[in-house]
Amino acid sequence: MAKATRDAYGEELARLVKENERIVVLDADLAGSTKSALAGKAAPERFFDMGIAEADMIGTAAGLAASGYIPFASSFAMFATGRAYEQIRNSVAYPQLNVKICGSHSGISVGEDGVSHQAIEDISLMRTIPGMEVFVPCDAAETKAVVRYAAASGRPCYIRTGRSKVEEVYSEEADLDIRRIGVLRSGKDAVLFACGLMVQAALSAADILQGEGIEITVADVCTIKPADTETIAGLLQVHEHVFTAEEHNIIGGLGSLICETAAASCPRRVVRLGMQDCFAESGKASDLLAKYGLDGPSVAAAIRRELQG
């Protein structure tokens, strides 16, 4: 069943906030969209709408964490990471406070909201902060597993969720270790690392290419940091052709992670599919993904071109 990862985030947070009185929930006047409102209904005494003031929200979350609480602070990814970057760096990451930041409505699939709301730099921003863990779940089950892990981890982290409904990759009963890369399909011709909704695009591309006699490995990289470099290196060792797919700028995100791992352990040419250091525009999510080469047929076409030389 198709469900947006933001919906799964709200559902799991609402369940956890009833179980753990140390969890507190903050939002920057977007609780209906980020779905943290579900947790607000479950435990209204531990829900705080901070208004359109992301920096203040993160500073407050840091104070709550320093007082022994487990704060989940939510806003659109563009604002949660962009407006509040200094507070995340200096007030959360530097003292290693137990704050969970959720950026919803990430990537160009925000669609008609336009470039001002389309976060394509957030993974890079959060990944470069020392000590910050970064998660990009692909579906509802993986999102819920990330939220559970974050609530129990004791470390600061960033969780990236999306606006659009996405097809199920894992069953909600699956026992997921989100710290490890999930190899969803195996193939001899190439490996494709993907995160977020690009996992579904990667699986679609794999189906298309299989019909042409091309077999690719599809790897779901939910945890961008700390990276599962052991699995990445192992996949690089057995595949000459390497691709990455992300709904993000190709600089600083998943593509950069794979390139860095290749440089350190197994040199490979890596073809990075994503936003090619450019902004998108306002439009339907499906149209934008197709235009910028981020839907299944476009990913398949890019792999086909590379393999055919």
C-alpha atoms as a PDB file:
ATOM      1  CA  MET A   1       0.000   0.000   0.000  1.00  0.00           C
ATOM      2  CA  ALA A   2       1.352   3.412  -0.957  1.00  0.00           C
ATOM      3  CA  LYS A   3       2.041   5.784   1.928  1.00  0.00           C
ATOM      4  CA  ALA A   4       4.156   8.920   2.307  1.00  0.00           C
ATOM      5  CA  THR A   5       7.160   8.570   4.583  1.00  0.00           C
ATOM      6  CA  ARG A   6       6.014  11.693   6.452  1.00  0.00           C
ATOM      7  CA  ASP A   7       2.798   9.847   7.359  1.00  0.00           C
ATOM      8  CA  ALA A   8       4.774   6.890   8.682  1.00  0.00           C
ATOM      9  CA  TYR A   9       6.964   9.267  10.704  1.00  0.00           C
ATOM     10  CA  GLY A  10       3.917  10.805  12.379  1.00  0.00           C
ATOM     11  CA  GLU A  11       2.307   7.450  13.069  1.00  0.00           C
ATOM     12  CA  GLU A  12       5.382   5.938  14.706  1.00  0.00           C
ATOM     13  CA  LEU A  13       6.149   9.082  16.694  1.00  0.00           C
ATOM     14  CA  ALA A  14       2.565   9.104  17.986  1.00  0.00           C
ATOM     15  CA  ARG A  15       2.980   5.529  19.163  1.00  0.00           C
ATOM     16  CA  LEU A  16       6.342   6.149  20.829  1.00  0.00           C
ATOM     17  CA  VAL A  17       5.325   9.356  22.588  1.00  0.00           C
ATOM     18  CA  LYS A  18       2.626   7.416  24.448  1.00  0.00           C
ATOM     19  CA  GLU A  19       5.157   4.764  25.518  1.00  0.00           C
ATOM     20  CA  ASN A  20       8.047   7.011  26.561  1.00  0.00           C
ATOM     21  CA  GLU A  21       7.384  10.056  28.741  1.00  0.00           C
ATOM     22  CA  ARG A  22      10.843  11.430  27.948  1.00  0.00           C
ATOM     23  CA  ILE A  23       9.910  12.029  24.301  1.00  0.00           C
ATOM     24  CA  VAL A  24       8.809  15.577  23.495  1.00  0.00           C
ATOM     25  CA  VAL A  25       7.713  16.842  20.090  1.00  0.00           C
ATOM     26  CA  LEU A  26       8.327  20.272  18.564  1.00  0.00           C
ATOM     27  CA  ASP A  27       7.168  21.702  15.255  1.00  0.00           C
ATOM     28  CA  ALA A  28       7.572  24.992  13.397  1.00  0.00           C
ATOM     29  CA  ASP A  29       3.922  25.686  12.558  1.00  0.00           C
ATOM     30  CA  LEU A  30       3.774  22.825  10.047  1.00  0.00           C
ATOM     31  CA  ALA A  31       2.562  19.952  12.224  1.00  0.00           C
ATOM     32  CA  GLY A  32      -0.291  19.094   9.870  1.00  0.00           C
ATOM     33  CA  SER A  33       2.156  18.699   6.998  1.00  0.00           C
ATOM     34  CA  THR A  34       5.078  17.076   8.795  1.00  0.00           C
ATOM     35  CA  LYS A  35       2.524  14.807  10.543  1.00  0.00           C
ATOM     36  CA  SER A  36       3.962  15.504  13.988  1.00  0.00           C
ATOM     37  CA  ALA A  37       0.422  16.628  14.802  1.00  0.00           C
ATOM     38  CA  LEU A  38      -0.392  12.951  15.301  1.00  0.00           C
ATOM     39  CA  ALA A  39       2.017  12.884  18.239  1.00  0.00           C
ATOM     40  CA  GLY A  40       0.486  16.117  19.478  1.00  0.00           C
ATOM     41  CA  LYS A  41      -2.895  14.437  19.690  1.00  0.00           C
ATOM     42  CA  ALA A  42      -1.404  11.425  21.440  1.00  0.00           C
ATOM     43  CA  ALA A  43       0.409  13.496  24.096  1.00  0.00           C
ATOM     44  CA  PRO A  44      -0.648  17.158  23.918  1.00  0.00           C
ATOM     45  CA  GLU A  45       1.204  18.012  27.125  1.00  0.00           C
ATOM     46  CA  ARG A  46       4.512  17.142  25.412  1.00  0.00           C
ATOM     47  CA  PHE A  47       3.849  18.832  22.071  1.00  0.00           C
ATOM     48  CA  PHE A  48       5.084  22.348  21.382  1.00  0.00           C
ATOM     49  CA  ASP A  49       4.235  24.427  18.302  1.00  0.00           C
ATOM     50  CA  MET A  50       7.131  26.862  18.134  1.00  0.00           C
ATOM     51  CA  GLY A  51       5.688  28.958  15.321  1.00  0.00           C
ATOM     52  CA  ILE A  52       7.615  29.918  12.205  1.00  0.00           C
ATOM     53  CA  ALA A  53      10.892  30.038  14.123  1.00  0.00           C
ATOM     54  CA  GLU A  54      13.087  27.075  13.265  1.00  0.00           C
ATOM     55  CA  ALA A  55      16.220  28.406  14.963  1.00  0.00           C
ATOM     56  CA  ASP A  56      14.273  28.946  18.177  1.00  0.00           C
ATOM     57  CA  MET A  57      12.791  25.451  17.839  1.00  0.00           C
ATOM     58  CA  ILE A  58      16.234  23.834  17.592  1.00  0.00           C
ATOM     59  CA  GLY A  59      17.579  25.890  20.501  1.00  0.00           C
ATOM     60  CA  THR A  60      14.607  24.846  22.612  1.00  0.00           C
ATOM     61  CA  ALA A  61      15.077  21.226  21.573  1.00  0.00           C
ATOM     62  CA  ALA A  62      18.723  21.444  22.646  1.00  0.00           C
ATOM     63  CA  GLY A  63      17.671  22.751  26.052  1.00  0.00           C
ATOM     64  CA  LEU A  64      15.136  19.959  26.467  1.00  0.00           C
ATOM     65  CA  ALA A  65      17.758  17.376  25.517  1.00  0.00           C
ATOM     66  CA  ALA A  66      20.181  18.852  28.037  1.00  0.00           C
ATOM     67  CA  SER A  67      17.407  18.412  30.632  1.00  0.00           C
ATOM     68  CA  GLY A  68      17.065  14.691  29.897  1.00  0.00           C
ATOM     69  CA  TYR A  69      14.254  14.697  27.335  1.00  0.00           C
ATOM     70  CA  ILE A  70      14.299  13.177  23.849  1.00  0.00           C
ATOM     71  CA  PRO A  71      13.088  15.933  21.513  1.00  0.00           C
ATOM     72  CA  PHE A  72      11.859  15.324  17.964  1.00  0.00           C
ATOM     73  CA  ALA A  73      11.866  18.644  16.071  1.00  0.00           C
ATOM     74  CA  SER A  74      10.064  18.780  12.717  1.00  0.00           C
ATOM     75  CA  SER A  75       9.729  21.210   9.826  1.00  0.00           C
ATOM     76  CA  PHE A  76      10.106  21.181   6.052  1.00  0.00           C
ATOM     77  CA  ALA A  77      13.597  19.965   5.138  1.00  0.00           C
ATOM     78  CA  MET A  78      14.477  23.287   3.509  1.00  0.00           C
ATOM     79  CA  PHE A  79      13.807  25.196   6.712  1.00  0.00           C
ATOM     80  CA  ALA A  80      14.780  22.587   9.305  1.00  0.00           C
ATOM     81  CA  THR A  81      18.297  22.355   7.878  1.00  0.00           C
ATOM     82  CA  GLY A  82      18.714  25.694   6.099  1.00  0.00           C
ATOM     83  CA  ARG A  83      17.316  28.245   8.517  1.00  0.00           C
ATOM     84  CA  ALA A  84      18.526  26.431  11.609  1.00  0.00           C
ATOM     85  CA  TYR A  85      21.936  25.231  10.425  1.00  0.00           C
ATOM     86  CA  GLU A  86      23.925  27.277  12.941  1.00  0.00           C
ATOM     87  CA  GLN A  87      21.793  26.110  15.855  1.00  0.00           C
ATOM     88  CA  ILE A  88      22.053  22.476  14.735  1.00  0.00           C
ATOM     89  CA  ARG A  89      25.814  22.744  14.436  1.00  0.00           C
ATOM     90  CA  ASN A  90      26.594  24.710  17.584  1.00  0.00           C
ATOM     91  CA  SER A  91      23.740  23.924  19.988  1.00  0.00           C
ATOM     92  CA  VAL A  92      23.050  20.277  19.077  1.00  0.00           C
ATOM     93  CA  ALA A  93      26.008  18.619  17.341  1.00  0.00           C
ATOM     94  CA  TYR A  94      28.907  20.292  19.140  1.00  0.00           C
ATOM     95  CA  PRO A  95      27.670  19.263  22.624  1.00  0.00           C
ATOM     96  CA  GLN A  96      26.310  15.994  21.144  1.00  0.00           C
ATOM     97  CA  LEU A  97      22.816  16.527  22.503  1.00  0.00           C
ATOM     98  CA  ASN A  98      20.125  13.933  21.920  1.00  0.00           C
ATOM     99  CA  VAL A  99      17.997  15.893  19.411  1.00  0.00           C
ATOM    100  CA  LYS A 100      16.143  14.294  16.495  1.00  0.00           C
ATOM    101  CA  ILE A 101      15.545  16.600  13.538  1.00  0.00           C
ATOM    102  CA  CYS A 102      12.998  15.571  10.921  1.00  0.00           C
ATOM    103  CA  GLY A 103      12.946  17.353   7.586  1.00  0.00           C
ATOM    104  CA  SER A 104       9.823  16.532   5.615  1.00  0.00           C
ATOM    105  CA  HIS A 105       8.823  17.628   2.079  1.00  0.00           C
ATOM    106  CA  SER A 106      12.356  16.999   0.859  1.00  0.00           C
ATOM    107  CA  GLY A 107      13.637  17.009  -2.713  1.00  0.00           C
ATOM    108  CA  ILE A 108      11.955  18.148  -5.915  1.00  0.00           C
ATOM    109  CA  SER A 109       8.918  15.930  -5.308  1.00  0.00           C
ATOM    110  CA  VAL A 110       7.552  18.792  -3.187  1.00  0.00           C
ATOM    111  CA  GLY A 111       6.457  19.832  -6.659  1.00  0.00           C
ATOM    112  CA  GLU A 112       4.291  22.902  -7.007  1.00  0.00           C
ATOM    113  CA  ASP A 113       5.737  24.552  -3.892  1.00  0.00           C
ATOM    114  CA  GLY A 114       8.711  25.455  -6.062  1.00  0.00           C
ATOM    115  CA  VAL A 115      12.444  25.907  -5.604  1.00  0.00           C
ATOM    116  CA  SER A 116      12.154  27.837  -2.332  1.00  0.00           C
ATOM    117  CA  HIS A 117      10.757  24.681  -0.702  1.00  0.00           C
ATOM    118  CA  GLN A 118      12.660  21.999  -2.655  1.00  0.00           C
ATOM    119  CA  ALA A 119      15.533  20.935  -0.383  1.00  0.00           C
ATOM    120  CA  ILE A 120      18.259  19.374  -2.517  1.00  0.00           C
ATOM    121  CA  GLU A 121      21.143  20.300  -0.193  1.00  0.00           C
ATOM    122  CA  ASP A 122      19.894  19.014   3.172  1.00  0.00           C
ATOM    123  CA  ILE A 123      21.645  15.624   3.151  1.00  0.00           C
ATOM    124  CA  SER A 124      24.943  17.334   2.392  1.00  0.00           C
ATOM    125  CA  LEU A 125      24.445  19.977   5.094  1.00  0.00           C
ATOM    126  CA  MET A 126      23.652  17.433   7.786  1.00  0.00           C
ATOM    127  CA  ARG A 127      26.192  14.842   6.627  1.00  0.00           C
ATOM    128  CA  THR A 128      29.113  17.242   7.007  1.00  0.00           C
ATOM    129  CA  ILE A 129      28.295  18.112  10.634  1.00  0.00           C
ATOM    130  CA  PRO A 130      30.535  16.070  12.946  1.00  0.00           C
ATOM    131  CA  GLY A 131      28.640  13.458  14.940  1.00  0.00           C
ATOM    132  CA  MET A 132      25.321  13.909  13.130  1.00  0.00           C
ATOM    133  CA  GLU A 133      23.624  10.718  11.954  1.00  0.00           C
ATOM    134  CA  VAL A 134      21.640  10.968   8.699  1.00  0.00           C
ATOM    135  CA  PHE A 135      18.785   8.730   7.541  1.00  0.00           C
ATOM    136  CA  VAL A 136      16.855   8.712   4.250  1.00  0.00           C
ATOM    137  CA  PRO A 137      14.191   5.968   4.486  1.00  0.00           C
ATOM    138  CA  CYS A 138      12.494   4.744   1.333  1.00  0.00           C
ATOM    139  CA  ASP A 139       9.064   3.647   2.573  1.00  0.00           C
ATOM    140  CA  ALA A 140       6.742   3.461   5.582  1.00  0.00           C
ATOM    141  CA  ALA A 141       8.280   0.401   7.234  1.00  0.00           C
ATOM    142  CA  GLU A 142      11.812   1.740   6.941  1.00  0.00           C
ATOM    143  CA  THR A 143      10.731   5.151   8.239  1.00  0.00           C
ATOM    144  CA  LYS A 144       9.165   3.603  11.317  1.00  0.00           C
ATOM    145  CA  ALA A 145      12.312   1.565  11.923  1.00  0.00           C
ATOM    146  CA  VAL A 146      14.391   4.755  11.699  1.00  0.00           C
ATOM    147  CA  VAL A 147      12.146   6.570  14.189  1.00  0.00           C
ATOM    148  CA  ARG A 148      12.414   3.674  16.637  1.00  0.00           C
ATOM    149  CA  TYR A 149      16.186   3.597  16.255  1.00  0.00           C
ATOM    150  CA  ALA A 150      16.449   7.366  16.695  1.00  0.00           C
ATOM    151  CA  ALA A 151      14.349   7.356  19.858  1.00  0.00           C
ATOM    152  CA  ALA A 152      16.644   4.783  21.431  1.00  0.00           C
ATOM    153  CA  SER A 153      20.023   5.891  20.066  1.00  0.00           C
ATOM    154  CA  GLY A 154      21.006   8.713  22.420  1.00  0.00           C
ATOM    155  CA  ARG A 155      22.679  10.618  19.550  1.00  0.00           C
ATOM    156  CA  PRO A 156      21.687  13.604  17.391  1.00  0.00           C
ATOM    157  CA  CYS A 157      20.282  12.678  14.002  1.00  0.00           C
ATOM    158  CA  TYR A 158      18.545  13.961  10.905  1.00  0.00           C
ATOM    159  CA  ILE A 159      15.632  12.045   9.361  1.00  0.00           C
ATOM    160  CA  ARG A 160      14.598  12.976   5.815  1.00  0.00           C
ATOM    161  CA  THR A 161      10.985  12.267   4.797  1.00  0.00           C
ATOM    162  CA  GLY A 162       8.902  13.038   1.717  1.00  0.00           C
ATOM    163  CA  ARG A 163       5.594  14.539   0.746  1.00  0.00           C
ATOM    164  CA  SER A 164       4.489  12.080  -1.926  1.00  0.00           C
ATOM    165  CA  LYS A 165       3.073   8.620  -1.381  1.00  0.00           C
ATOM    166  CA  VAL A 166       5.545   5.871  -2.230  1.00  0.00           C
ATOM    167  CA  GLU A 167       5.043   2.183  -2.843  1.00  0.00           C
ATOM    168  CA  GLU A 168       5.902  -0.352  -0.178  1.00  0.00           C
ATOM    169  CA  VAL A 169       9.382  -1.865  -0.424  1.00  0.00           C
ATOM    170  CA  TYR A 170       9.362  -3.669   2.932  1.00  0.00           C
ATOM    171  CA  SER A 171       6.449  -5.124   4.871  1.00  0.00           C
ATOM    172  CA  GLU A 172       5.695  -3.380   8.154  1.00  0.00           C
ATOM    173  CA  GLU A 173       6.395  -6.693   9.903  1.00  0.00           C
ATOM    174  CA  ALA A 174       9.955  -6.827   8.527  1.00  0.00           C
ATOM    175  CA  ASP A 175      12.788  -6.869  11.064  1.00  0.00           C
ATOM    176  CA  LEU A 176      14.926  -4.107   9.582  1.00  0.00           C
ATOM    177  CA  ASP A 177      18.451  -3.156  10.597  1.00  0.00           C
ATOM    178  CA  ILE A 178      18.488   0.325   9.111  1.00  0.00           C
ATOM    179  CA  ARG A 179      22.212   0.674   9.806  1.00  0.00           C
ATOM    180  CA  ARG A 180      22.975  -1.895   7.113  1.00  0.00           C
ATOM    181  CA  ILE A 181      22.467  -1.503   3.375  1.00  0.00           C
ATOM    182  CA  GLY A 182      19.617  -3.601   2.031  1.00  0.00           C
ATOM    183  CA  VAL A 183      20.428  -5.441  -1.190  1.00  0.00           C
ATOM    184  CA  LEU A 184      16.992  -5.679  -2.795  1.00  0.00           C
ATOM    185  CA  ARG A 185      18.029  -7.288  -6.089  1.00  0.00           C
ATOM    186  CA  SER A 186      21.201  -8.894  -7.334  1.00  0.00           C
ATOM    187  CA  GLY A 187      22.571  -8.630 -10.863  1.00  0.00           C
ATOM    188  CA  LYS A 188      25.877  -9.125 -12.633  1.00  0.00           C
ATOM    189  CA  ASP A 189      25.954  -6.091 -14.923  1.00  0.00           C
ATOM    190  CA  ALA A 190      25.945  -3.101 -12.553  1.00  0.00           C
ATOM    191  CA  VAL A 191      25.149  -1.919  -9.030  1.00  0.00           C
ATOM    192  CA  LEU A 192      22.773   0.953  -8.329  1.00  0.00           C
ATOM    193  CA  PHE A 193      22.857   2.569  -4.873  1.00  0.00           C
ATOM    194  CA  ALA A 194      19.689   4.533  -4.059  1.00  0.00           C
ATOM    195  CA  CYS A 195      18.014   6.270  -1.129  1.00  0.00           C
ATOM    196  CA  GLY A 196      14.560   7.637  -0.359  1.00  0.00           C
ATOM    197  CA  LEU A 197      11.978   7.485  -3.140  1.00  0.00           C
ATOM    198  CA  MET A 198      14.775   6.740  -5.601  1.00  0.00           C
ATOM    199  CA  VAL A 199      14.768   3.179  -4.256  1.00  0.00           C
ATOM    200  CA  GLN A 200      11.381   2.646  -5.909  1.00  0.00           C
ATOM    201  CA  ALA A 201      12.701   4.283  -9.092  1.00  0.00           C
ATOM    202  CA  ALA A 202      15.721   1.979  -8.965  1.00  0.00           C
ATOM    203  CA  LEU A 203      13.531  -1.101  -8.655  1.00  0.00           C
ATOM    204  CA  SER A 204      11.419   0.112 -11.574  1.00  0.00           C
ATOM    205  CA  ALA A 205      14.572   0.661 -13.635  1.00  0.00           C
ATOM    206  CA  ALA A 206      15.777  -2.836 -12.726  1.00  0.00           C
ATOM    207  CA  ASP A 207      12.510  -4.314 -14.011  1.00  0.00           C
ATOM    208  CA  ILE A 208      12.795  -2.400 -17.288  1.00  0.00           C
ATOM    209  CA  LEU A 209      16.415  -3.425 -17.819  1.00  0.00           C
ATOM    210  CA  GLN A 210      15.754  -7.050 -16.923  1.00  0.00           C
ATOM    211  CA  GLY A 211      13.356  -7.177 -19.853  1.00  0.00           C
ATOM    212  CA  GLU A 212      16.315  -6.190 -22.051  1.00  0.00           C
ATOM    213  CA  GLY A 213      18.638  -8.807 -20.595  1.00  0.00           C
ATOM    214  CA  ILE A 214      20.487  -6.381 -18.301  1.00  0.00           C
ATOM    215  CA  GLU A 215      20.716  -7.444 -14.659  1.00  0.00           C
ATOM    216  CA  ILE A 216      21.523  -4.876 -11.976  1.00  0.00           C
ATOM    217  CA  THR A 217      21.992  -4.993  -8.232  1.00  0.00           C
ATOM    218  CA  VAL A 218      19.789  -2.533  -6.323  1.00  0.00           C
ATOM    219  CA  ALA A 219      21.096  -1.385  -2.933  1.00  0.00           C
ATOM    220  CA  ASP A 220      18.928   0.613  -0.504  1.00  0.00           C
ATOM    221  CA  VAL A 221      21.115   3.049   1.454  1.00  0.00           C
ATOM    222  CA  CYS A 222      18.851   4.246   4.251  1.00  0.00           C
ATOM    223  CA  THR A 223      21.666   5.281   6.573  1.00  0.00           C
ATOM    224  CA  ILE A 224      23.864   7.846   4.879  1.00  0.00           C
ATOM    225  CA  LYS A 225      25.850   8.414   8.070  1.00  0.00           C
ATOM    226  CA  PRO A 226      27.334   6.453   9.749  1.00  0.00           C
ATOM    227  CA  ALA A 227      27.775   4.689   6.427  1.00  0.00           C
ATOM    228  CA  ASP A 228      27.797   0.934   5.971  1.00  0.00           C
ATOM    229  CA  THR A 229      31.138   1.170   4.166  1.00  0.00           C
ATOM    230  CA  GLU A 230      31.777  -2.554   4.500  1.00  0.00           C
ATOM    231  CA  THR A 231      28.773  -3.437   2.332  1.00  0.00           C
ATOM    232  CA  ILE A 232      29.490  -0.591  -0.078  1.00  0.00           C
ATOM    233  CA  ALA A 233      33.064  -1.767  -0.554  1.00  0.00           C
ATOM    234  CA  GLY A 234      31.920  -5.350  -1.047  1.00  0.00           C
ATOM    235  CA  LEU A 235      29.488  -4.320  -3.775  1.00  0.00           C
ATOM    236  CA  LEU A 236      32.129  -2.178  -5.453  1.00  0.00           C
ATOM    237  CA  GLN A 237      34.498  -5.141  -5.516  1.00  0.00           C
ATOM    238  CA  VAL A 238      32.110  -7.288  -7.555  1.00  0.00           C
ATOM    239  CA  HIS A 239      30.709  -4.625  -9.922  1.00  0.00           C
ATOM    240  CA  GLU A 240      32.642  -2.722 -12.536  1.00  0.00           C
ATOM    241  CA  HIS A 241      29.734  -0.403 -13.345  1.00  0.00           C
ATOM    242  CA  VAL A 242      28.504   1.706 -10.417  1.00  0.00           C
ATOM    243  CA  PHE A 243      25.546   4.108 -10.267  1.00  0.00           C
ATOM    244  CA  THR A 244      23.912   6.196  -7.560  1.00  0.00           C
ATOM    245  CA  ALA A 245      20.423   7.714  -7.533  1.00  0.00           C
ATOM    246  CA  GLU A 246      19.208  10.398  -5.137  1.00  0.00           C
ATOM    247  CA  GLU A 247      16.567  13.127  -5.066  1.00  0.00           C
ATOM    248  CA  HIS A 248      19.262  15.599  -4.062  1.00  0.00           C
ATOM    249  CA  ASN A 249      22.180  17.472  -5.522  1.00  0.00           C
ATOM    250  CA  ILE A 250      24.805  14.975  -6.690  1.00  0.00           C
ATOM    251  CA  ILE A 251      27.344  16.990  -4.666  1.00  0.00           C
ATOM    252  CA  GLY A 252      27.593  16.069  -1.007  1.00  0.00           C
ATOM    253  CA  GLY A 253      24.934  13.374  -0.739  1.00  0.00           C
ATOM    254  CA  LEU A 254      24.713   9.675  -1.544  1.00  0.00           C
ATOM    255  CA  GLY A 255      26.759   9.966  -4.721  1.00  0.00           C
ATOM    256  CA  SER A 256      29.581  11.641  -2.842  1.00  0.00           C
ATOM    257  CA  LEU A 257      29.447   8.967  -0.142  1.00  0.00           C
ATOM    258  CA  ILE A 258      29.895   6.185  -2.719  1.00  0.00           C
ATOM    259  CA  CYS A 259      32.695   8.084  -4.480  1.00  0.00           C
ATOM    260  CA  GLU A 260      34.499   8.637  -1.166  1.00  0.00           C
ATOM    261  CA  THR A 261      34.185   4.965  -0.258  1.00  0.00           C
ATOM    262  CA  ALA A 262      35.429   3.933  -3.694  1.00  0.00           C
ATOM    263  CA  ALA A 263      38.434   6.226  -3.374  1.00  0.00           C
ATOM    264  CA  ALA A 264      39.300   4.722   0.004  1.00  0.00           C
ATOM    265  CA  SER A 265      38.696   1.039  -0.697  1.00  0.00           C
ATOM    266  CA  CYS A 266      38.027   0.111  -4.320  1.00  0.00           C
ATOM    267  CA  PRO A 267      38.547   2.658  -7.112  1.00  0.00           C
ATOM    268  CA  ARG A 268      35.573   2.751  -9.481  1.00  0.00           C
ATOM    269  CA  ARG A 269      34.019   5.191 -11.911  1.00  0.00           C
ATOM    270  CA  VAL A 270      30.716   6.240 -10.320  1.00  0.00           C
ATOM    271  CA  VAL A 271      27.862   7.662 -12.396  1.00  0.00           C
ATOM    272  CA  ARG A 272      25.782   9.892 -10.129  1.00  0.00           C
ATOM    273  CA  LEU A 273      22.107  10.348 -10.986  1.00  0.00           C
ATOM    274  CA  GLY A 274      20.399  13.222  -9.212  1.00  0.00           C
ATOM    275  CA  MET A 275      20.115  16.973  -9.476  1.00  0.00           C
ATOM    276  CA  GLN A 276      23.131  17.905 -11.574  1.00  0.00           C
ATOM    277  CA  ASP A 277      24.118  20.933  -9.482  1.00  0.00           C
ATOM    278  CA  CYS A 278      20.997  22.769 -10.630  1.00  0.00           C
ATOM    279  CA  PHE A 279      17.651  23.897  -9.268  1.00  0.00           C
ATOM    280  CA  ALA A 280      14.313  22.617 -10.551  1.00  0.00           C
ATOM    281  CA  GLU A 281      11.107  24.654 -10.825  1.00  0.00           C
ATOM    282  CA  SER A 282       7.469  24.507  -9.829  1.00  0.00           C
ATOM    283  CA  GLY A 283       5.527  21.614 -11.324  1.00  0.00           C
ATOM    284  CA  LYS A 284       3.875  18.285 -10.651  1.00  0.00           C
ATOM    285  CA  ALA A 285       6.158  15.926  -8.775  1.00  0.00           C
ATOM    286  CA  SER A 286       5.930  13.223 -11.452  1.00  0.00           C
ATOM    287  CA  ASP A 287       6.742  15.715 -14.213  1.00  0.00           C
ATOM    288  CA  LEU A 288       9.749  17.087 -12.350  1.00  0.00           C
ATOM    289  CA  LEU A 289      11.136  13.649 -11.560  1.00  0.00           C
ATOM    290  CA  ALA A 290      10.847  12.699 -15.222  1.00  0.00           C
ATOM    291  CA  LYS A 291      12.375  15.963 -16.460  1.00  0.00           C
ATOM    292  CA  TYR A 292      15.408  15.658 -14.204  1.00  0.00           C
ATOM    293  CA  GLY A 293      15.977  11.985 -14.919  1.00  0.00           C
ATOM    294  CA  LEU A 294      14.784  10.653 -11.577  1.00  0.00           C
ATOM    295  CA  ASP A 295      11.936   8.313 -12.488  1.00  0.00           C
ATOM    296  CA  GLY A 296      12.273   4.626 -13.327  1.00  0.00           C
ATOM    297  CA  PRO A 297      12.421   4.915 -17.133  1.00  0.00           C
ATOM    298  CA  SER A 298      14.955   7.756 -16.945  1.00  0.00           C
ATOM    299  CA  VAL A 299      17.196   5.839 -14.546  1.00  0.00           C
ATOM    300  CA  ALA A 300      16.994   2.785 -16.812  1.00  0.00           C
ATOM    301  CA  ALA A 301      17.903   4.910 -19.828  1.00  0.00           C
ATOM    302  CA  ALA A 302      20.936   6.393 -18.062  1.00  0.00           C
ATOM    303  CA  ILE A 303      22.218   2.945 -17.092  1.00  0.00           C
ATOM    304  CA  ARG A 304      21.587   1.580 -20.592  1.00  0.00           C
ATOM    305  CA  ARG A 305      23.555   4.440 -22.188  1.00  0.00           C
ATOM    306  CA  GLU A 306      26.498   3.901 -19.872  1.00  0.00           C
ATOM    307  CA  LEU A 307      26.625   0.157 -20.367  1.00  0.00           C
ATOM    308  CA  GLN A 308      26.387   0.477 -24.128  1.00  0.00           C
ATOM    309  CA  GLY A 309      29.260   2.952 -24.118  1.00  0.00           C
END
